[in-house]
Amino acid sequence: MVSIPRITLNDGTSIPQFGLGVYHVPAEDTAALVRTALDMGYRHVDTAQGYGNEAGVGQGLRDAGLPGWSWPTVETRPPACAPSTSYACSVSHAR
C-alpha cells in the first residue's frame, strides 16, 4: 500500500493530500472504482450528492471492509445526514 501524505487543516485535523474524485464516474462503475482505490491505499473520496453515484461510493466503502479506525474521508452527505455522521450515514443510505 502507498503512503499518502496528509494536509493539516485550520482546525488541526488532517486529511489525505491525494484523493479519488468520482465526478462523472458512471454510477454502475463507482463501487468497483472506490473499492480498488481503497485497496491501493487511498483514504479520501471526493464525492457529492449531485454526482448521482453516492450509492456506489457507499457500496465501495462497505466492500473494502476497512476497520472503523481507518475510515476514509468522504466529502459528501445525503440531506438526511448530519455533518458529523457523513461516513456512516452515507454507507447506510447506499443500501
PDB file of N, CA and C in Angstrom:
ATOM      1  N   MET A   1       0.840  -1.174   0.000  1.00  0.00           N
ATOM      2  CA  MET A   1       0.000   0.000   0.000  1.00  0.00           C
ATOM      3  C   MET A   1       0.888   1.241   0.000  1.00  0.00           C
ATOM      4  N   VAL A   2       0.465   2.262  -0.719  1.00  0.00           N
ATOM      5  CA  VAL A   2       1.188   3.518  -0.835  1.00  0.00           C
ATOM      6  C   VAL A   2       0.889   4.400   0.368  1.00  0.00           C
ATOM      7  N   SER A   3       1.899   5.078   0.883  1.00  0.00           N
ATOM      8  CA  SER A   3       1.694   6.032   1.972  1.00  0.00           C
ATOM      9  C   SER A   3       1.379   7.394   1.363  1.00  0.00           C
ATOM     10  N   ILE A   4       0.229   7.938   1.705  1.00  0.00           N
ATOM     11  CA  ILE A   4      -0.216   9.212   1.147  1.00  0.00           C
ATOM     12  C   ILE A   4      -0.044  10.305   2.185  1.00  0.00           C
ATOM     13  N   PRO A   5       0.677  11.392   1.846  1.00  0.00           N
ATOM     14  CA  PRO A   5       0.879  12.484   2.797  1.00  0.00           C
ATOM     15  C   PRO A   5      -0.454  13.109   3.214  1.00  0.00           C
ATOM     16  N   ARG A   6      -0.455  13.736   4.377  1.00  0.00           N
ATOM     17  CA  ARG A   6      -1.656  14.376   4.896  1.00  0.00           C
ATOM     18  C   ARG A   6      -1.452  15.886   4.969  1.00  0.00           C
ATOM     19  N   ILE A   7      -2.542  16.615   4.874  1.00  0.00           N
ATOM     20  CA  ILE A   7      -2.539  18.077   4.985  1.00  0.00           C
ATOM     21  C   ILE A   7      -3.288  18.438   6.258  1.00  0.00           C
ATOM     22  N   THR A   8      -2.707  19.322   7.062  1.00  0.00           N
ATOM     23  CA  THR A   8      -3.364  19.770   8.287  1.00  0.00           C
ATOM     24  C   THR A   8      -4.270  20.951   7.968  1.00  0.00           C
ATOM     25  N   LEU A   9      -5.516  20.848   8.399  1.00  0.00           N
ATOM     26  CA  LEU A   9      -6.499  21.898   8.180  1.00  0.00           C
ATOM     27  C   LEU A   9      -6.407  22.948   9.280  1.00  0.00           C
ATOM     28  N   ASN A  10      -7.108  24.057   9.114  1.00  0.00           N
ATOM     29  CA  ASN A  10      -7.048  25.155  10.083  1.00  0.00           C
ATOM     30  C   ASN A  10      -7.464  24.747  11.485  1.00  0.00           C
ATOM     31  N   ASP A  11      -8.342  23.752  11.602  1.00  0.00           N
ATOM     32  CA  ASP A  11      -8.792  23.339  12.937  1.00  0.00           C
ATOM     33  C   ASP A  11      -7.893  22.269  13.554  1.00  0.00           C
ATOM     34  N   GLY A  12      -6.789  21.931  12.892  1.00  0.00           N
ATOM     35  CA  GLY A  12      -5.838  20.981  13.434  1.00  0.00           C
ATOM     36  C   GLY A  12      -6.042  19.549  12.973  1.00  0.00           C
ATOM     37  N   THR A  13      -7.191  19.254  12.386  1.00  0.00           N
ATOM     38  CA  THR A  13      -7.389  17.906  11.851  1.00  0.00           C
ATOM     39  C   THR A  13      -6.636  17.795  10.529  1.00  0.00           C
ATOM     40  N   SER A  14      -6.484  16.578  10.060  1.00  0.00           N
ATOM     41  CA  SER A  14      -5.774  16.413   8.796  1.00  0.00           C
ATOM     42  C   SER A  14      -6.556  15.477   7.879  1.00  0.00           C
ATOM     43  N   ILE A  15      -6.319  15.656   6.586  1.00  0.00           N
ATOM     44  CA  ILE A  15      -6.938  14.808   5.573  1.00  0.00           C
ATOM     45  C   ILE A  15      -5.844  14.359   4.607  1.00  0.00           C
ATOM     46  N   PRO A  16      -6.058  13.238   3.928  1.00  0.00           N
ATOM     47  CA  PRO A  16      -5.074  12.813   2.939  1.00  0.00           C
ATOM     48  C   PRO A  16      -4.923  13.855   1.823  1.00  0.00           C
ATOM     49  N   GLN A  17      -3.686  14.068   1.402  1.00  0.00           N
ATOM     50  CA  GLN A  17      -3.408  15.069   0.375  1.00  0.00           C
ATOM     51  C   GLN A  17      -3.975  14.670  -0.975  1.00  0.00           C
ATOM     52  N   PHE A  18      -3.979  13.386  -1.287  1.00  0.00           N
ATOM     53  CA  PHE A  18      -4.495  12.902  -2.556  1.00  0.00           C
ATOM     54  C   PHE A  18      -5.804  12.176  -2.324  1.00  0.00           C
ATOM     55  N   GLY A  19      -6.715  12.368  -3.243  1.00  0.00           N
ATOM     56  CA  GLY A  19      -7.997  11.692  -3.099  1.00  0.00           C
ATOM     57  C   GLY A  19      -8.520  11.226  -4.442  1.00  0.00           C
ATOM     58  N   LEU A  20      -9.514  10.379  -4.347  1.00  0.00           N
ATOM     59  CA  LEU A  20     -10.189   9.896  -5.534  1.00  0.00           C
ATOM     60  C   LEU A  20     -11.407  10.762  -5.777  1.00  0.00           C
ATOM     61  N   GLY A  21     -11.480  11.389  -6.926  1.00  0.00           N
ATOM     62  CA  GLY A  21     -12.655  12.156  -7.315  1.00  0.00           C
ATOM     63  C   GLY A  21     -13.562  11.300  -8.176  1.00  0.00           C
ATOM     64  N   VAL A  22     -14.852  11.305  -7.878  1.00  0.00           N
ATOM     65  CA  VAL A  22     -15.771  10.450  -8.629  1.00  0.00           C
ATOM     66  C   VAL A  22     -16.752  11.253  -9.485  1.00  0.00           C
ATOM     67  N   TYR A  23     -16.456  12.524  -9.729  1.00  0.00           N
ATOM     68  CA  TYR A  23     -17.292  13.330 -10.610  1.00  0.00           C
ATOM     69  C   TYR A  23     -17.231  12.737 -12.013  1.00  0.00           C
ATOM     70  N   HIS A  24     -18.365  12.542 -12.634  1.00  0.00           N
ATOM     71  CA  HIS A  24     -18.506  11.962 -13.976  1.00  0.00           C
ATOM     72  C   HIS A  24     -18.208  10.464 -14.045  1.00  0.00           C
ATOM     73  N   VAL A  25     -18.031   9.795 -12.908  1.00  0.00           N
ATOM     74  CA  VAL A  25     -17.872   8.346 -12.934  1.00  0.00           C
ATOM     75  C   VAL A  25     -19.277   7.753 -13.026  1.00  0.00           C
ATOM     76  N   PRO A  26     -19.532   6.911 -14.005  1.00  0.00           N
ATOM     77  CA  PRO A  26     -20.868   6.319 -14.123  1.00  0.00           C
ATOM     78  C   PRO A  26     -21.250   5.553 -12.856  1.00  0.00           C
ATOM     79  N   ALA A  27     -22.496   5.679 -12.451  1.00  0.00           N
ATOM     80  CA  ALA A  27     -22.976   5.053 -11.217  1.00  0.00           C
ATOM     81  C   ALA A  27     -22.651   3.557 -11.179  1.00  0.00           C
ATOM     82  N   GLU A  28     -22.772   2.890 -12.313  1.00  0.00           N
ATOM     83  CA  GLU A  28     -22.543   1.439 -12.331  1.00  0.00           C
ATOM     84  C   GLU A  28     -21.066   1.062 -12.166  1.00  0.00           C
ATOM     85  N   ASP A  29     -20.156   2.019 -12.301  1.00  0.00           N
ATOM     86  CA  ASP A  29     -18.721   1.757 -12.155  1.00  0.00           C
ATOM     87  C   ASP A  29     -18.151   2.238 -10.827  1.00  0.00           C
ATOM     88  N   THR A  30     -18.930   3.005 -10.080  1.00  0.00           N
ATOM     89  CA  THR A  30     -18.400   3.694  -8.898  1.00  0.00           C
ATOM     90  C   THR A  30     -17.951   2.749  -7.796  1.00  0.00           C
ATOM     91  N   ALA A  31     -18.746   1.750  -7.447  1.00  0.00           N
ATOM     92  CA  ALA A  31     -18.392   0.857  -6.334  1.00  0.00           C
ATOM     93  C   ALA A  31     -17.051   0.167  -6.586  1.00  0.00           C
ATOM     94  N   ALA A  32     -16.865  -0.374  -7.788  1.00  0.00           N
ATOM     95  CA  ALA A  32     -15.610  -1.065  -8.098  1.00  0.00           C
ATOM     96  C   ALA A  32     -14.427  -0.107  -8.074  1.00  0.00           C
ATOM     97  N   LEU A  33     -14.634   1.100  -8.588  1.00  0.00           N
ATOM     98  CA  LEU A  33     -13.552   2.090  -8.600  1.00  0.00           C
ATOM     99  C   LEU A  33     -13.150   2.484  -7.184  1.00  0.00           C
ATOM    100  N   VAL A  34     -14.145   2.761  -6.338  1.00  0.00           N
ATOM    101  CA  VAL A  34     -13.860   3.145  -4.951  1.00  0.00           C
ATOM    102  C   VAL A  34     -13.154   2.004  -4.225  1.00  0.00           C
ATOM    103  N   ARG A  35     -13.653   0.796  -4.390  1.00  0.00           N
ATOM    104  CA  ARG A  35     -13.036  -0.369  -3.734  1.00  0.00           C
ATOM    105  C   ARG A  35     -11.581  -0.515  -4.175  1.00  0.00           C
ATOM    106  N   THR A  36     -11.320  -0.403  -5.461  1.00  0.00           N
ATOM    107  CA  THR A  36      -9.955  -0.530  -5.971  1.00  0.00           C
ATOM    108  C   THR A  36      -9.050   0.560  -5.409  1.00  0.00           C
ATOM    109  N   ALA A  37      -9.551   1.793  -5.386  1.00  0.00           N
ATOM    110  CA  ALA A  37      -8.754   2.904  -4.844  1.00  0.00           C
ATOM    111  C   ALA A  37      -8.434   2.672  -3.375  1.00  0.00           C
ATOM    112  N   LEU A  38      -9.412   2.223  -2.592  1.00  0.00           N
ATOM    113  CA  LEU A  38      -9.171   1.952  -1.172  1.00  0.00           C
ATOM    114  C   LEU A  38      -8.177   0.809  -1.002  1.00  0.00           C
ATOM    115  N   ASP A  39      -8.279  -0.211  -1.835  1.00  0.00           N
ATOM    116  CA  ASP A  39      -7.315  -1.315  -1.782  1.00  0.00           C
ATOM    117  C   ASP A  39      -5.905  -0.836  -2.093  1.00  0.00           C
ATOM    118  N   MET A  40      -5.789   0.201  -2.924  1.00  0.00           N
ATOM    119  CA  MET A  40      -4.481   0.742  -3.306  1.00  0.00           C
ATOM    120  C   MET A  40      -3.921   1.696  -2.252  1.00  0.00           C
ATOM    121  N   GLY A  41      -4.739   2.090  -1.269  1.00  0.00           N
ATOM    122  CA  GLY A  41      -4.246   2.964  -0.212  1.00  0.00           C
ATOM    123  C   GLY A  41      -4.910   4.314  -0.117  1.00  0.00           C
ATOM    124  N   TYR A  42      -5.761   4.655  -1.061  1.00  0.00           N
ATOM    125  CA  TYR A  42      -6.477   5.918  -0.970  1.00  0.00           C
ATOM    126  C   TYR A  42      -7.337   5.922   0.280  1.00  0.00           C
ATOM    127  N   ARG A  43      -7.438   7.075   0.936  1.00  0.00           N
ATOM    128  CA  ARG A  43      -8.284   7.223   2.107  1.00  0.00           C
ATOM    129  C   ARG A  43      -9.084   8.524   2.054  1.00  0.00           C
ATOM    130  N   HIS A  44      -9.272   9.046   0.857  1.00  0.00           N
ATOM    131  CA  HIS A  44     -10.009  10.295   0.663  1.00  0.00           C
ATOM    132  C   HIS A  44     -10.822  10.134  -0.621  1.00  0.00           C
ATOM    133  N   VAL A  45     -12.137  10.189  -0.481  1.00  0.00           N
ATOM    134  CA  VAL A  45     -13.017  10.092  -1.641  1.00  0.00           C
ATOM    135  C   VAL A  45     -13.784  11.405  -1.754  1.00  0.00           C
ATOM    136  N   ASP A  46     -13.570  12.115  -2.829  1.00  0.00           N
ATOM    137  CA  ASP A  46     -14.244  13.395  -3.068  1.00  0.00           C
ATOM    138  C   ASP A  46     -15.481  13.117  -3.910  1.00  0.00           C
ATOM    139  N   THR A  47     -16.651  13.289  -3.305  1.00  0.00           N
ATOM    140  CA  THR A  47     -17.902  12.998  -3.980  1.00  0.00           C
ATOM    141  C   THR A  47     -18.948  14.015  -3.544  1.00  0.00           C
ATOM    142  N   ALA A  48     -20.077  13.980  -4.173  1.00  0.00           N
ATOM    143  CA  ALA A  48     -21.176  14.884  -3.820  1.00  0.00           C
ATOM    144  C   ALA A  48     -22.482  14.255  -4.266  1.00  0.00           C
ATOM    145  N   GLN A  49     -23.537  14.598  -3.594  1.00  0.00           N
ATOM    146  CA  GLN A  49     -24.846  14.058  -3.934  1.00  0.00           C
ATOM    147  C   GLN A  49     -25.200  14.366  -5.385  1.00  0.00           C
ATOM    148  N   GLY A  50     -24.819  15.515  -5.873  1.00  0.00           N
ATOM    149  CA  GLY A  50     -25.139  15.919  -7.230  1.00  0.00           C
ATOM    150  C   GLY A  50     -24.497  15.058  -8.313  1.00  0.00           C
ATOM    151  N   TYR A  51     -23.487  14.257  -7.952  1.00  0.00           N
ATOM    152  CA  TYR A  51     -22.843  13.397  -8.941  1.00  0.00           C
ATOM    153  C   TYR A  51     -23.721  12.200  -9.289  1.00  0.00           C
ATOM    154  N   GLY A  52     -24.673  11.867  -8.423  1.00  0.00           N
ATOM    155  CA  GLY A  52     -25.591  10.769  -8.685  1.00  0.00           C
ATOM    156  C   GLY A  52     -24.997   9.380  -8.534  1.00  0.00           C
ATOM    157  N   ASN A  53     -23.841   9.285  -7.895  1.00  0.00           N
ATOM    158  CA  ASN A  53     -23.214   7.970  -7.735  1.00  0.00           C
ATOM    159  C   ASN A  53     -22.850   7.673  -6.278  1.00  0.00           C
ATOM    160  N   GLU A  54     -23.492   8.382  -5.348  1.00  0.00           N
ATOM    161  CA  GLU A  54     -23.147   8.195  -3.935  1.00  0.00           C
ATOM    162  C   GLU A  54     -23.470   6.800  -3.425  1.00  0.00           C
ATOM    163  N   ALA A  55     -24.456   6.131  -4.005  1.00  0.00           N
ATOM    164  CA  ALA A  55     -24.737   4.747  -3.599  1.00  0.00           C
ATOM    165  C   ALA A  55     -23.532   3.853  -3.900  1.00  0.00           C
ATOM    166  N   GLY A  56     -22.900   4.075  -5.042  1.00  0.00           N
ATOM    167  CA  GLY A  56     -21.710   3.303  -5.396  1.00  0.00           C
ATOM    168  C   GLY A  56     -20.542   3.606  -4.483  1.00  0.00           C
ATOM    169  N   VAL A  57     -20.423   4.864  -4.040  1.00  0.00           N
ATOM    170  CA  VAL A  57     -19.363   5.216  -3.083  1.00  0.00           C
ATOM    171  C   VAL A  57     -19.582   4.425  -1.796  1.00  0.00           C
ATOM    172  N   GLY A  58     -20.804   4.432  -1.286  1.00  0.00           N
ATOM    173  CA  GLY A  58     -21.104   3.686  -0.067  1.00  0.00           C
ATOM    174  C   GLY A  58     -20.854   2.194  -0.234  1.00  0.00           C
ATOM    175  N   GLN A  59     -21.243   1.647  -1.388  1.00  0.00           N
ATOM    176  CA  GLN A  59     -21.030   0.223  -1.641  1.00  0.00           C
ATOM    177  C   GLN A  59     -19.542  -0.103  -1.687  1.00  0.00           C
ATOM    178  N   GLY A  60     -18.769   0.749  -2.342  1.00  0.00           N
ATOM    179  CA  GLY A  60     -17.323   0.539  -2.403  1.00  0.00           C
ATOM    180  C   GLY A  60     -16.677   0.593  -1.034  1.00  0.00           C
ATOM    181  N   LEU A  61     -17.151   1.512  -0.175  1.00  0.00           N
ATOM    182  CA  LEU A  61     -16.636   1.604   1.196  1.00  0.00           C
ATOM    183  C   LEU A  61     -16.949   0.327   1.961  1.00  0.00           C
ATOM    184  N   ARG A  62     -18.184  -0.147   1.854  1.00  0.00           N
ATOM    185  CA  ARG A  62     -18.561  -1.381   2.550  1.00  0.00           C
ATOM    186  C   ARG A  62     -17.766  -2.566   2.012  1.00  0.00           C
ATOM    187  N   ASP A  63     -17.650  -2.667   0.693  1.00  0.00           N
ATOM    188  CA  ASP A  63     -16.949  -3.791   0.081  1.00  0.00           C
ATOM    189  C   ASP A  63     -15.479  -3.838   0.492  1.00  0.00           C
ATOM    190  N   ALA A  64     -14.880  -2.681   0.740  1.00  0.00           N
ATOM    191  CA  ALA A  64     -13.470  -2.633   1.128  1.00  0.00           C
ATOM    192  C   ALA A  64     -13.255  -3.228   2.511  1.00  0.00           C
ATOM    193  N   GLY A  65     -14.292  -3.206   3.345  1.00  0.00           N
ATOM    194  CA  GLY A  65     -14.199  -3.829   4.665  1.00  0.00           C
ATOM    195  C   GLY A  65     -13.150  -3.222   5.573  1.00  0.00           C
ATOM    196  N   LEU A  66     -12.913  -1.927   5.461  1.00  0.00           N
ATOM    197  CA  LEU A  66     -11.924  -1.280   6.315  1.00  0.00           C
ATOM    198  C   LEU A  66     -12.411  -1.240   7.760  1.00  0.00           C
ATOM    199  N   PRO A  67     -11.505  -1.430   8.716  1.00  0.00           N
ATOM    200  CA  PRO A  67     -11.903  -1.292  10.118  1.00  0.00           C
ATOM    201  C   PRO A  67     -12.264   0.162  10.416  1.00  0.00           C
ATOM    202  N   GLY A  68     -13.104   0.378  11.409  1.00  0.00           N
ATOM    203  CA  GLY A  68     -13.592   1.717  11.730  1.00  0.00           C
ATOM    204  C   GLY A  68     -12.510   2.758  11.939  1.00  0.00           C
ATOM    205  N   TRP A  69     -11.376   2.378  12.484  1.00  0.00           N
ATOM    206  CA  TRP A  69     -10.324   3.349  12.751  1.00  0.00           C
ATOM    207  C   TRP A  69      -9.659   3.854  11.479  1.00  0.00           C
ATOM    208  N   SER A  70      -9.877   3.193  10.364  1.00  0.00           N
ATOM    209  CA  SER A  70      -9.247   3.663   9.131  1.00  0.00           C
ATOM    210  C   SER A  70     -10.279   4.136   8.111  1.00  0.00           C
ATOM    211  N   TRP A  71     -11.445   4.526   8.591  1.00  0.00           N
ATOM    212  CA  TRP A  71     -12.459   5.023   7.659  1.00  0.00           C
ATOM    213  C   TRP A  71     -11.893   6.165   6.843  1.00  0.00           C
ATOM    214  N   PRO A  72     -12.199   6.166   5.576  1.00  0.00           N
ATOM    215  CA  PRO A  72     -11.713   7.250   4.724  1.00  0.00           C
ATOM    216  C   PRO A  72     -12.454   8.559   4.971  1.00  0.00           C
ATOM    217  N   THR A  73     -11.870   9.620   4.470  1.00  0.00           N
ATOM    218  CA  THR A  73     -12.538  10.910   4.442  1.00  0.00           C
ATOM    219  C   THR A  73     -13.492  10.875   3.259  1.00  0.00           C
ATOM    220  N   VAL A  74     -14.760  11.123   3.512  1.00  0.00           N
ATOM    221  CA  VAL A  74     -15.749  11.134   2.444  1.00  0.00           C
ATOM    222  C   VAL A  74     -16.400  12.509   2.449  1.00  0.00           C
ATOM    223  N   GLU A  75     -16.276  13.220   1.347  1.00  0.00           N
ATOM    224  CA  GLU A  75     -16.785  14.583   1.282  1.00  0.00           C
ATOM    225  C   GLU A  75     -18.168  14.644   0.661  1.00  0.00           C
ATOM    226  N   THR A  76     -19.109  14.044   1.320  1.00  0.00           N
ATOM    227  CA  THR A  76     -20.490  14.132   0.877  1.00  0.00           C
ATOM    228  C   THR A  76     -21.383  13.787   2.045  1.00  0.00           C
ATOM    229  N   ARG A  77     -22.622  14.150   1.942  1.00  0.00           N
ATOM    230  CA  ARG A  77     -23.591  13.658   2.900  1.00  0.00           C
ATOM    231  C   ARG A  77     -24.972  13.798   2.292  1.00  0.00           C
ATOM    232  N   PRO A  78     -25.751  12.750   2.394  1.00  0.00           N
ATOM    233  CA  PRO A  78     -27.138  12.856   1.955  1.00  0.00           C
ATOM    234  C   PRO A  78     -27.863  13.889   2.811  1.00  0.00           C
ATOM    235  N   PRO A  79     -28.918  14.489   2.322  1.00  0.00           N
ATOM    236  CA  PRO A  79     -29.605  15.538   3.079  1.00  0.00           C
ATOM    237  C   PRO A  79     -30.036  15.111   4.481  1.00  0.00           C
ATOM    238  N   ALA A  80     -30.317  13.829   4.673  1.00  0.00           N
ATOM    239  CA  ALA A  80     -30.773  13.355   5.978  1.00  0.00           C
ATOM    240  C   ALA A  80     -29.641  13.180   6.979  1.00  0.00           C
ATOM    241  N   CYS A  81     -28.381  13.375   6.578  1.00  0.00           N
ATOM    242  CA  CYS A  81     -27.238  13.106   7.440  1.00  0.00           C
ATOM    243  C   CYS A  81     -26.661  14.384   8.034  1.00  0.00           C
ATOM    244  N   ALA A  82     -26.353  14.326   9.318  1.00  0.00           N
ATOM    245  CA  ALA A  82     -25.666  15.437   9.979  1.00  0.00           C
ATOM    246  C   ALA A  82     -24.195  15.419   9.568  1.00  0.00           C
ATOM    247  N   PRO A  83     -23.523  16.570   9.549  1.00  0.00           N
ATOM    248  CA  PRO A  83     -22.122  16.608   9.124  1.00  0.00           C
ATOM    249  C   PRO A  83     -21.216  15.641   9.884  1.00  0.00           C
ATOM    250  N   SER A  84     -21.449  15.429  11.169  1.00  0.00           N
ATOM    251  CA  SER A  84     -20.564  14.566  11.950  1.00  0.00           C
ATOM    252  C   SER A  84     -20.768  13.085  11.664  1.00  0.00           C
ATOM    253  N   THR A  85     -21.790  12.729  10.891  1.00  0.00           N
ATOM    254  CA  THR A  85     -22.071  11.324  10.622  1.00  0.00           C
ATOM    255  C   THR A  85     -21.959  10.995   9.136  1.00  0.00           C
ATOM    256  N   SER A  86     -21.237  11.795   8.378  1.00  0.00           N
ATOM    257  CA  SER A  86     -21.207  11.635   6.921  1.00  0.00           C
ATOM    258  C   SER A  86     -20.850  10.233   6.467  1.00  0.00           C
ATOM    259  N   TYR A  87     -19.778   9.637   6.987  1.00  0.00           N
ATOM    260  CA  TYR A  87     -19.360   8.318   6.521  1.00  0.00           C
ATOM    261  C   TYR A  87     -20.421   7.265   6.829  1.00  0.00           C
ATOM    262  N   ALA A  88     -20.765   7.141   8.088  1.00  0.00           N
ATOM    263  CA  ALA A  88     -21.728   6.104   8.484  1.00  0.00           C
ATOM    264  C   ALA A  88     -23.069   6.319   7.810  1.00  0.00           C
ATOM    265  N   CYS A  89     -23.505   7.539   7.717  1.00  0.00           N
ATOM    266  CA  CYS A  89     -24.794   7.836   7.119  1.00  0.00           C
ATOM    267  C   CYS A  89     -24.755   7.585   5.619  1.00  0.00           C
ATOM    268  N   SER A  90     -23.681   7.951   4.943  1.00  0.00           N
ATOM    269  CA  SER A  90     -23.565   7.700   3.507  1.00  0.00           C
ATOM    270  C   SER A  90     -23.610   6.210   3.224  1.00  0.00           C
ATOM    271  N   VAL A  91     -22.907   5.427   4.054  1.00  0.00           N
ATOM    272  CA  VAL A  91     -22.910   3.986   3.878  1.00  0.00           C
ATOM    273  C   VAL A  91     -24.314   3.437   4.092  1.00  0.00           C
ATOM    274  N   SER A  92     -25.007   3.926   5.118  1.00  0.00           N
ATOM    275  CA  SER A  92     -26.349   3.395   5.377  1.00  0.00           C
ATOM    276  C   SER A  92     -27.328   3.792   4.281  1.00  0.00           C
ATOM    277  N   HIS A  93     -27.168   4.947   3.675  1.00  0.00           N
ATOM    278  CA  HIS A  93     -28.048   5.390   2.593  1.00  0.00           C
ATOM    279  C   HIS A  93     -27.758   4.676   1.274  1.00  0.00           C
ATOM    280  N   ALA A  94     -26.620   4.008   1.188  1.00  0.00           N
ATOM    281  CA  ALA A  94     -26.262   3.309  -0.038  1.00  0.00           C
ATOM    282  C   ALA A  94     -26.868   1.910  -0.095  1.00  0.00           C
ATOM    283  N   ARG A  95     -27.569   1.527   0.939  1.00  0.00           N
ATOM    284  CA  ARG A  95     -28.157   0.174   0.973  1.00  0.00           C
ATOM    285  C   ARG A  95     -29.330   0.066   0.068  1.00  0.00           C
TER     286      ARG A  95
END
